[in-house]
Amino acid sequence: MNYEQARFNMIEQQIRPWEVLDNQVLSLLAVVKREDFVPLAHKALAFVDMEIPLPPQQNPSQCMLAPRVEARILQDLAVQKHEKVLEIGAGSGYMAALLAHRAQQVITLEIDPTLAQIARDNLQKAGIHNAEVRTGDGAAKLAQAVSGSDPLRGPFDVIVLSGSVAEVPASLLSLLKVGGRLSAIVGVEPVMRSTLVTRVGEDAWRTTEAWDTVAPRLLNFPEPSKFSF
């Protein structure tokens, strides 16, 4: 397989047409080798417009997001070199690798210990040293961070949820710096929207619902109540 040609086709045929026009993002996608973060069994699918399942595959929500979704999130956040980033859902480490190229520091949380180690190994092989993978339940860690019992070393300039939630938890918003941005895919299938929240003051946030997509759930975040009559 010609990986460079496949990468070029991914960028030009999937990502650029999906309104990802930031040249810095497009150049980064050409540099960070996505195929090195894809499980060996699915390496031929590295550049296909689809979600890719990740080991240990006991939970269908463990996957790499489609390339165009990752690229659009990266463009929306406009991460800067001096900024500190928190990611929930490390997966194979690919999004953390992209973020690390643009940020000063990345902390990424992964609930599955096997997958967390895979992400660490992938980042190390890629020569990325400013991204730290922590094993833990992102939803629980956030609650502990807010209470002060688990220092995530916040606040953060950027927070990324690499998966979907029913709603953005207030605990996440409290970890944003003023001027900080949070990206999450919010809603319930079949209607989900990529949502960008900017903290514009101590107790003020601006929310933009940028574009429609669907993504697997992040584990253990609250779900809306189901009523029966």
C-alpha atoms as a PDB file:
ATOM      1  CA  MET A   1       0.000   0.000   0.000  1.00  0.00           C
ATOM      2  CA  ASN A   2       1.266   3.470  -0.892  1.00  0.00           C
ATOM      3  CA  TYR A   3       0.676   5.252   2.425  1.00  0.00           C
ATOM      4  CA  GLU A   4       1.722   8.670   1.158  1.00  0.00           C
ATOM      5  CA  GLN A   5      -0.713   8.531  -1.743  1.00  0.00           C
ATOM      6  CA  ALA A   6      -3.476   7.280   0.553  1.00  0.00           C
ATOM      7  CA  ARG A   7      -2.738  10.106   3.016  1.00  0.00           C
ATOM      8  CA  PHE A   8      -2.841  12.677   0.191  1.00  0.00           C
ATOM      9  CA  ASN A   9      -6.171  11.284  -1.020  1.00  0.00           C
ATOM     10  CA  MET A  10      -7.595  11.382   2.526  1.00  0.00           C
ATOM     11  CA  ILE A  11      -6.688  15.042   2.898  1.00  0.00           C
ATOM     12  CA  GLU A  12      -7.813  16.152  -0.553  1.00  0.00           C
ATOM     13  CA  GLN A  13     -10.911  13.971  -1.012  1.00  0.00           C
ATOM     14  CA  GLN A  14     -12.311  13.651   2.541  1.00  0.00           C
ATOM     15  CA  ILE A  15     -10.975  16.411   4.734  1.00  0.00           C
ATOM     16  CA  ARG A  16     -10.599  19.501   2.566  1.00  0.00           C
ATOM     17  CA  PRO A  17     -14.125  19.100   1.075  1.00  0.00           C
ATOM     18  CA  TRP A  18     -15.491  18.965   4.634  1.00  0.00           C
ATOM     19  CA  GLU A  19     -14.569  22.628   5.107  1.00  0.00           C
ATOM     20  CA  VAL A  20     -11.205  21.957   6.737  1.00  0.00           C
ATOM     21  CA  LEU A  21      -9.205  24.687   5.018  1.00  0.00           C
ATOM     22  CA  ASP A  22      -6.675  25.660   7.707  1.00  0.00           C
ATOM     23  CA  ASN A  23      -3.299  25.036   6.062  1.00  0.00           C
ATOM     24  CA  GLN A  24      -1.636  24.368   9.431  1.00  0.00           C
ATOM     25  CA  VAL A  25      -4.121  21.582  10.155  1.00  0.00           C
ATOM     26  CA  LEU A  26      -3.801  20.103   6.672  1.00  0.00           C
ATOM     27  CA  SER A  27       0.007  20.178   6.897  1.00  0.00           C
ATOM     28  CA  LEU A  28      -0.110  18.504  10.301  1.00  0.00           C
ATOM     29  CA  LEU A  29      -2.278  15.682   8.948  1.00  0.00           C
ATOM     30  CA  ALA A  30       0.374  15.097   6.308  1.00  0.00           C
ATOM     31  CA  VAL A  31       3.130  14.907   8.953  1.00  0.00           C
ATOM     32  CA  VAL A  32       1.583  12.789  11.750  1.00  0.00           C
ATOM     33  CA  LYS A  33       1.411   9.235  10.401  1.00  0.00           C
ATOM     34  CA  ARG A  34      -2.118   8.047  11.115  1.00  0.00           C
ATOM     35  CA  GLU A  35      -1.288   4.488  10.072  1.00  0.00           C
ATOM     36  CA  ASP A  36       1.108   4.190  13.033  1.00  0.00           C
ATOM     37  CA  PHE A  37      -1.807   4.708  15.448  1.00  0.00           C
ATOM     38  CA  VAL A  38      -4.152   2.173  13.796  1.00  0.00           C
ATOM     39  CA  PRO A  39      -4.254  -1.444  15.056  1.00  0.00           C
ATOM     40  CA  LEU A  40      -2.326  -3.776  12.770  1.00  0.00           C
ATOM     41  CA  ALA A  41      -5.468  -5.722  11.855  1.00  0.00           C
ATOM     42  CA  HIS A  42      -7.065  -2.536  10.480  1.00  0.00           C
ATOM     43  CA  LYS A  43      -4.005  -0.796   9.029  1.00  0.00           C
ATOM     44  CA  ALA A  44      -5.435  -0.943   5.495  1.00  0.00           C
ATOM     45  CA  LEU A  45      -8.347   1.198   6.759  1.00  0.00           C
ATOM     46  CA  ALA A  46      -6.143   3.951   8.207  1.00  0.00           C
ATOM     47  CA  PHE A  47      -7.245   6.547   5.655  1.00  0.00           C
ATOM     48  CA  VAL A  48     -10.833   5.417   5.062  1.00  0.00           C
ATOM     49  CA  ASP A  49     -13.712   7.719   6.023  1.00  0.00           C
ATOM     50  CA  MET A  50     -14.900   5.600   8.953  1.00  0.00           C
ATOM     51  CA  GLU A  51     -14.419   4.923  12.650  1.00  0.00           C
ATOM     52  CA  ILE A  52     -11.802   2.253  13.362  1.00  0.00           C
ATOM     53  CA  PRO A  53     -12.331  -0.200  16.261  1.00  0.00           C
ATOM     54  CA  LEU A  54      -9.593  -0.362  18.886  1.00  0.00           C
ATOM     55  CA  PRO A  55      -8.461  -3.234  21.135  1.00  0.00           C
ATOM     56  CA  PRO A  56      -9.436  -4.921  23.329  1.00  0.00           C
ATOM     57  CA  GLN A  57     -12.746  -4.470  21.430  1.00  0.00           C
ATOM     58  CA  GLN A  58     -14.868  -5.496  24.404  1.00  0.00           C
ATOM     59  CA  ASN A  59     -16.686  -2.174  24.083  1.00  0.00           C
ATOM     60  CA  PRO A  60     -17.851  -0.899  20.679  1.00  0.00           C
ATOM     61  CA  SER A  61     -17.375   2.706  21.811  1.00  0.00           C
ATOM     62  CA  GLN A  62     -13.577   2.235  21.777  1.00  0.00           C
ATOM     63  CA  CYS A  63     -12.612   3.533  18.368  1.00  0.00           C
ATOM     64  CA  MET A  64     -10.681   6.115  16.389  1.00  0.00           C
ATOM     65  CA  LEU A  65     -12.991   8.822  15.079  1.00  0.00           C
ATOM     66  CA  ALA A  66     -13.253   9.331  11.327  1.00  0.00           C
ATOM     67  CA  PRO A  67     -10.353  11.423   9.943  1.00  0.00           C
ATOM     68  CA  ARG A  68     -12.567  14.315   8.814  1.00  0.00           C
ATOM     69  CA  VAL A  69     -14.122  14.590  12.294  1.00  0.00           C
ATOM     70  CA  GLU A  70     -10.706  14.705  13.974  1.00  0.00           C
ATOM     71  CA  ALA A  71      -9.519  17.337  11.493  1.00  0.00           C
ATOM     72  CA  ARG A  72     -12.598  19.538  11.903  1.00  0.00           C
ATOM     73  CA  ILE A  73     -12.291  19.443  15.708  1.00  0.00           C
ATOM     74  CA  LEU A  74      -8.636  20.418  15.453  1.00  0.00           C
ATOM     75  CA  GLN A  75      -9.492  23.323  13.162  1.00  0.00           C
ATOM     76  CA  ASP A  76     -12.301  24.574  15.413  1.00  0.00           C
ATOM     77  CA  LEU A  77     -10.072  24.616  18.520  1.00  0.00           C
ATOM     78  CA  ALA A  78      -7.181  26.549  16.914  1.00  0.00           C
ATOM     79  CA  VAL A  79      -4.714  25.319  19.553  1.00  0.00           C
ATOM     80  CA  GLN A  80      -1.707  27.586  20.164  1.00  0.00           C
ATOM     81  CA  LYS A  81       1.880  26.686  21.115  1.00  0.00           C
ATOM     82  CA  HIS A  82       1.628  28.106  24.648  1.00  0.00           C
ATOM     83  CA  GLU A  83      -1.568  26.255  25.527  1.00  0.00           C
ATOM     84  CA  LYS A  84      -2.281  23.346  27.850  1.00  0.00           C
ATOM     85  CA  VAL A  85      -4.766  20.713  26.653  1.00  0.00           C
ATOM     86  CA  LEU A  86      -6.892  18.043  28.359  1.00  0.00           C
ATOM     87  CA  GLU A  87      -8.324  15.222  26.252  1.00  0.00           C
ATOM     88  CA  ILE A  88     -10.932  12.738  27.480  1.00  0.00           C
ATOM     89  CA  GLY A  89     -10.639   9.440  25.591  1.00  0.00           C
ATOM     90  CA  ALA A  90      -7.062   8.849  24.455  1.00  0.00           C
ATOM     91  CA  GLY A  91      -7.893   5.846  22.294  1.00  0.00           C
ATOM     92  CA  SER A  92      -4.775   4.933  20.316  1.00  0.00           C
ATOM     93  CA  GLY A  93      -3.170   8.326  20.993  1.00  0.00           C
ATOM     94  CA  TYR A  94      -3.636   9.800  17.506  1.00  0.00           C
ATOM     95  CA  MET A  95      -5.650  12.872  18.526  1.00  0.00           C
ATOM     96  CA  ALA A  96      -3.221  13.471  21.387  1.00  0.00           C
ATOM     97  CA  ALA A  97      -0.380  13.361  18.859  1.00  0.00           C
ATOM     98  CA  LEU A  98      -2.073  15.979  16.676  1.00  0.00           C
ATOM     99  CA  LEU A  99      -2.790  18.187  19.694  1.00  0.00           C
ATOM    100  CA  ALA A 100       0.759  17.805  21.020  1.00  0.00           C
ATOM    101  CA  HIS A 101       2.207  19.172  17.780  1.00  0.00           C
ATOM    102  CA  ARG A 102       0.225  22.367  18.323  1.00  0.00           C
ATOM    103  CA  ALA A 103       0.203  22.725  22.132  1.00  0.00           C
ATOM    104  CA  GLN A 104       2.709  23.138  24.929  1.00  0.00           C
ATOM    105  CA  GLN A 105       1.363  20.176  26.925  1.00  0.00           C
ATOM    106  CA  VAL A 106      -1.353  17.539  26.532  1.00  0.00           C
ATOM    107  CA  ILE A 107      -2.858  15.370  29.281  1.00  0.00           C
ATOM    108  CA  THR A 108      -5.097  12.623  27.891  1.00  0.00           C
ATOM    109  CA  LEU A 109      -7.257  10.244  29.953  1.00  0.00           C
ATOM    110  CA  GLU A 110      -8.092   6.691  28.902  1.00  0.00           C
ATOM    111  CA  ILE A 111     -10.421   4.428  30.888  1.00  0.00           C
ATOM    112  CA  ASP A 112      -9.104   1.122  29.467  1.00  0.00           C
ATOM    113  CA  PRO A 113      -5.631   0.205  30.834  1.00  0.00           C
ATOM    114  CA  THR A 114      -4.699  -1.861  27.759  1.00  0.00           C
ATOM    115  CA  LEU A 115      -5.604   0.958  25.428  1.00  0.00           C
ATOM    116  CA  ALA A 116      -3.835   3.529  27.620  1.00  0.00           C
ATOM    117  CA  GLN A 117      -0.594   1.556  27.307  1.00  0.00           C
ATOM    118  CA  ILE A 118      -1.060   1.275  23.537  1.00  0.00           C
ATOM    119  CA  ALA A 119      -1.472   5.060  23.357  1.00  0.00           C
ATOM    120  CA  ARG A 120       1.699   5.589  25.426  1.00  0.00           C
ATOM    121  CA  ASP A 121       3.666   3.246  23.192  1.00  0.00           C
ATOM    122  CA  ASN A 122       2.361   4.883  20.014  1.00  0.00           C
ATOM    123  CA  LEU A 123       3.214   8.377  21.226  1.00  0.00           C
ATOM    124  CA  GLN A 124       6.682   7.282  22.299  1.00  0.00           C
ATOM    125  CA  LYS A 125       7.351   5.634  18.916  1.00  0.00           C
ATOM    126  CA  ALA A 126       6.199   8.839  17.209  1.00  0.00           C
ATOM    127  CA  GLY A 127       8.733  10.828  19.230  1.00  0.00           C
ATOM    128  CA  ILE A 128       6.100  12.875  21.057  1.00  0.00           C
ATOM    129  CA  HIS A 129       7.163  13.800  24.583  1.00  0.00           C
ATOM    130  CA  ASN A 130       4.713  16.568  25.573  1.00  0.00           C
ATOM    131  CA  ALA A 131       1.655  14.282  25.767  1.00  0.00           C
ATOM    132  CA  GLU A 132       0.983  12.332  28.973  1.00  0.00           C
ATOM    133  CA  VAL A 133      -1.463   9.405  28.958  1.00  0.00           C
ATOM    134  CA  ARG A 134      -3.198   8.767  32.268  1.00  0.00           C
ATOM    135  CA  THR A 135      -5.261   5.668  32.976  1.00  0.00           C
ATOM    136  CA  GLY A 136      -8.595   6.442  34.568  1.00  0.00           C
ATOM    137  CA  ASP A 137     -12.315   7.070  34.245  1.00  0.00           C
ATOM    138  CA  GLY A 138     -12.596  10.549  32.737  1.00  0.00           C
ATOM    139  CA  ALA A 139     -16.003  11.235  34.289  1.00  0.00           C
ATOM    140  CA  ALA A 140     -14.813  10.249  37.782  1.00  0.00           C
ATOM    141  CA  LYS A 141     -11.492  12.101  37.418  1.00  0.00           C
ATOM    142  CA  LEU A 142     -13.306  15.314  36.564  1.00  0.00           C
ATOM    143  CA  ALA A 143     -15.458  15.087  39.682  1.00  0.00           C
ATOM    144  CA  GLN A 144     -12.337  14.467  41.780  1.00  0.00           C
ATOM    145  CA  ALA A 145     -10.470  17.347  40.138  1.00  0.00           C
ATOM    146  CA  VAL A 146     -13.282  19.769  40.928  1.00  0.00           C
ATOM    147  CA  SER A 147     -13.360  18.594  44.554  1.00  0.00           C
ATOM    148  CA  GLY A 148      -9.572  18.948  44.791  1.00  0.00           C
ATOM    149  CA  SER A 149      -8.914  15.255  45.527  1.00  0.00           C
ATOM    150  CA  ASP A 150      -7.291  14.492  42.157  1.00  0.00           C
ATOM    151  CA  PRO A 151      -5.046  17.218  40.736  1.00  0.00           C
ATOM    152  CA  LEU A 152      -5.334  17.303  36.953  1.00  0.00           C
ATOM    153  CA  ARG A 153      -3.032  20.331  37.051  1.00  0.00           C
ATOM    154  CA  GLY A 154      -5.719  22.521  35.524  1.00  0.00           C
ATOM    155  CA  PRO A 155      -7.115  24.873  34.544  1.00  0.00           C
ATOM    156  CA  PHE A 156      -6.763  24.203  30.815  1.00  0.00           C
ATOM    157  CA  ASP A 157      -6.737  26.353  27.704  1.00  0.00           C
ATOM    158  CA  VAL A 158      -8.349  23.585  25.650  1.00  0.00           C
ATOM    159  CA  ILE A 159     -10.473  20.535  26.526  1.00  0.00           C
ATOM    160  CA  VAL A 160     -11.343  17.897  23.921  1.00  0.00           C
ATOM    161  CA  LEU A 161     -13.862  15.086  24.293  1.00  0.00           C
ATOM    162  CA  SER A 162     -12.904  12.365  21.795  1.00  0.00           C
ATOM    163  CA  GLY A 163     -16.361  10.817  21.815  1.00  0.00           C
ATOM    164  CA  SER A 164     -19.921  11.944  22.445  1.00  0.00           C
ATOM    165  CA  VAL A 165     -21.843  12.942  25.573  1.00  0.00           C
ATOM    166  CA  ALA A 166     -25.521  13.703  26.183  1.00  0.00           C
ATOM    167  CA  GLU A 167     -24.557  17.102  27.570  1.00  0.00           C
ATOM    168  CA  VAL A 168     -21.384  18.956  28.541  1.00  0.00           C
ATOM    169  CA  PRO A 169     -20.766  18.449  32.284  1.00  0.00           C
ATOM    170  CA  ALA A 170     -20.425  21.625  34.349  1.00  0.00           C
ATOM    171  CA  SER A 171     -17.338  20.060  35.963  1.00  0.00           C
ATOM    172  CA  LEU A 172     -15.566  20.266  32.603  1.00  0.00           C
ATOM    173  CA  LEU A 173     -16.467  23.901  32.067  1.00  0.00           C
ATOM    174  CA  SER A 174     -15.080  24.795  35.494  1.00  0.00           C
ATOM    175  CA  LEU A 175     -11.656  23.470  34.409  1.00  0.00           C
ATOM    176  CA  LEU A 176     -11.431  25.918  31.485  1.00  0.00           C
ATOM    177  CA  LYS A 177      -9.383  29.086  31.731  1.00  0.00           C
ATOM    178  CA  VAL A 178     -11.040  32.338  30.741  1.00  0.00           C
ATOM    179  CA  GLY A 179     -10.554  32.395  26.982  1.00  0.00           C
ATOM    180  CA  GLY A 180     -10.350  28.599  26.916  1.00  0.00           C
ATOM    181  CA  ARG A 181     -12.276  26.391  24.490  1.00  0.00           C
ATOM    182  CA  LEU A 182     -13.980  23.031  24.883  1.00  0.00           C
ATOM    183  CA  SER A 183     -14.953  20.750  21.991  1.00  0.00           C
ATOM    184  CA  ALA A 184     -17.538  17.998  22.445  1.00  0.00           C
ATOM    185  CA  ILE A 185     -19.954  16.026  20.284  1.00  0.00           C
ATOM    186  CA  VAL A 186     -23.260  16.487  22.106  1.00  0.00           C
ATOM    187  CA  GLY A 187     -26.659  14.873  21.768  1.00  0.00           C
ATOM    188  CA  VAL A 188     -28.454  11.558  21.380  1.00  0.00           C
ATOM    189  CA  GLU A 189     -28.505   9.492  18.193  1.00  0.00           C
ATOM    190  CA  PRO A 190     -29.519  10.238  15.525  1.00  0.00           C
ATOM    191  CA  VAL A 191     -29.037  13.936  16.324  1.00  0.00           C
ATOM    192  CA  MET A 192     -25.625  15.033  17.595  1.00  0.00           C
ATOM    193  CA  ARG A 193     -23.732  18.268  17.025  1.00  0.00           C
ATOM    194  CA  SER A 194     -20.133  19.263  17.391  1.00  0.00           C
ATOM    195  CA  THR A 195     -20.275  21.894  20.117  1.00  0.00           C
ATOM    196  CA  LEU A 196     -17.638  24.512  20.880  1.00  0.00           C
ATOM    197  CA  VAL A 197     -17.847  26.214  24.279  1.00  0.00           C
ATOM    198  CA  THR A 198     -15.659  29.262  25.006  1.00  0.00           C
ATOM    199  CA  ARG A 199     -15.244  30.631  28.519  1.00  0.00           C
ATOM    200  CA  VAL A 200     -15.619  34.380  28.072  1.00  0.00           C
ATOM    201  CA  GLY A 201     -15.630  35.354  31.772  1.00  0.00           C
ATOM    202  CA  GLU A 202     -15.460  33.931  35.293  1.00  0.00           C
ATOM    203  CA  ASP A 203     -19.094  32.836  35.090  1.00  0.00           C
ATOM    204  CA  ALA A 204     -19.824  33.263  31.394  1.00  0.00           C
ATOM    205  CA  TRP A 205     -19.598  30.875  28.443  1.00  0.00           C
ATOM    206  CA  ARG A 206     -20.395  31.190  24.741  1.00  0.00           C
ATOM    207  CA  THR A 207     -21.672  28.051  22.969  1.00  0.00           C
ATOM    208  CA  THR A 208     -21.587  27.415  19.228  1.00  0.00           C
ATOM    209  CA  GLU A 209     -23.123  24.330  17.611  1.00  0.00           C
ATOM    210  CA  ALA A 210     -20.837  24.122  14.617  1.00  0.00           C
ATOM    211  CA  TRP A 211     -21.747  21.021  12.553  1.00  0.00           C
ATOM    212  CA  ASP A 212     -23.631  17.726  12.680  1.00  0.00           C
ATOM    213  CA  THR A 213     -22.004  14.353  13.195  1.00  0.00           C
ATOM    214  CA  VAL A 214     -22.435  11.165  15.253  1.00  0.00           C
ATOM    215  CA  ALA A 215     -19.824   9.536  17.513  1.00  0.00           C
ATOM    216  CA  PRO A 216     -19.722   6.663  20.028  1.00  0.00           C
ATOM    217  CA  ARG A 217     -20.343   7.481  23.676  1.00  0.00           C
ATOM    218  CA  LEU A 218     -17.641   8.255  26.201  1.00  0.00           C
ATOM    219  CA  LEU A 219     -18.158   5.853  29.091  1.00  0.00           C
ATOM    220  CA  ASN A 220     -19.806   6.810  32.396  1.00  0.00           C
ATOM    221  CA  PHE A 221     -20.886  10.339  31.529  1.00  0.00           C
ATOM    222  CA  PRO A 222     -24.507  11.115  32.545  1.00  0.00           C
ATOM    223  CA  GLU A 223     -27.323  10.125  30.211  1.00  0.00           C
ATOM    224  CA  PRO A 224     -30.710  11.861  29.995  1.00  0.00           C
ATOM    225  CA  SER A 225     -33.519  10.347  32.051  1.00  0.00           C
ATOM    226  CA  LYS A 226     -35.814   7.939  30.222  1.00  0.00           C
ATOM    227  CA  PHE A 227     -39.498   8.378  31.030  1.00  0.00           C
ATOM    228  CA  SER A 228     -42.081   5.617  30.659  1.00  0.00           C
ATOM    229  CA  PHE A 229     -45.859   6.029  30.771  1.00  0.00           C
END
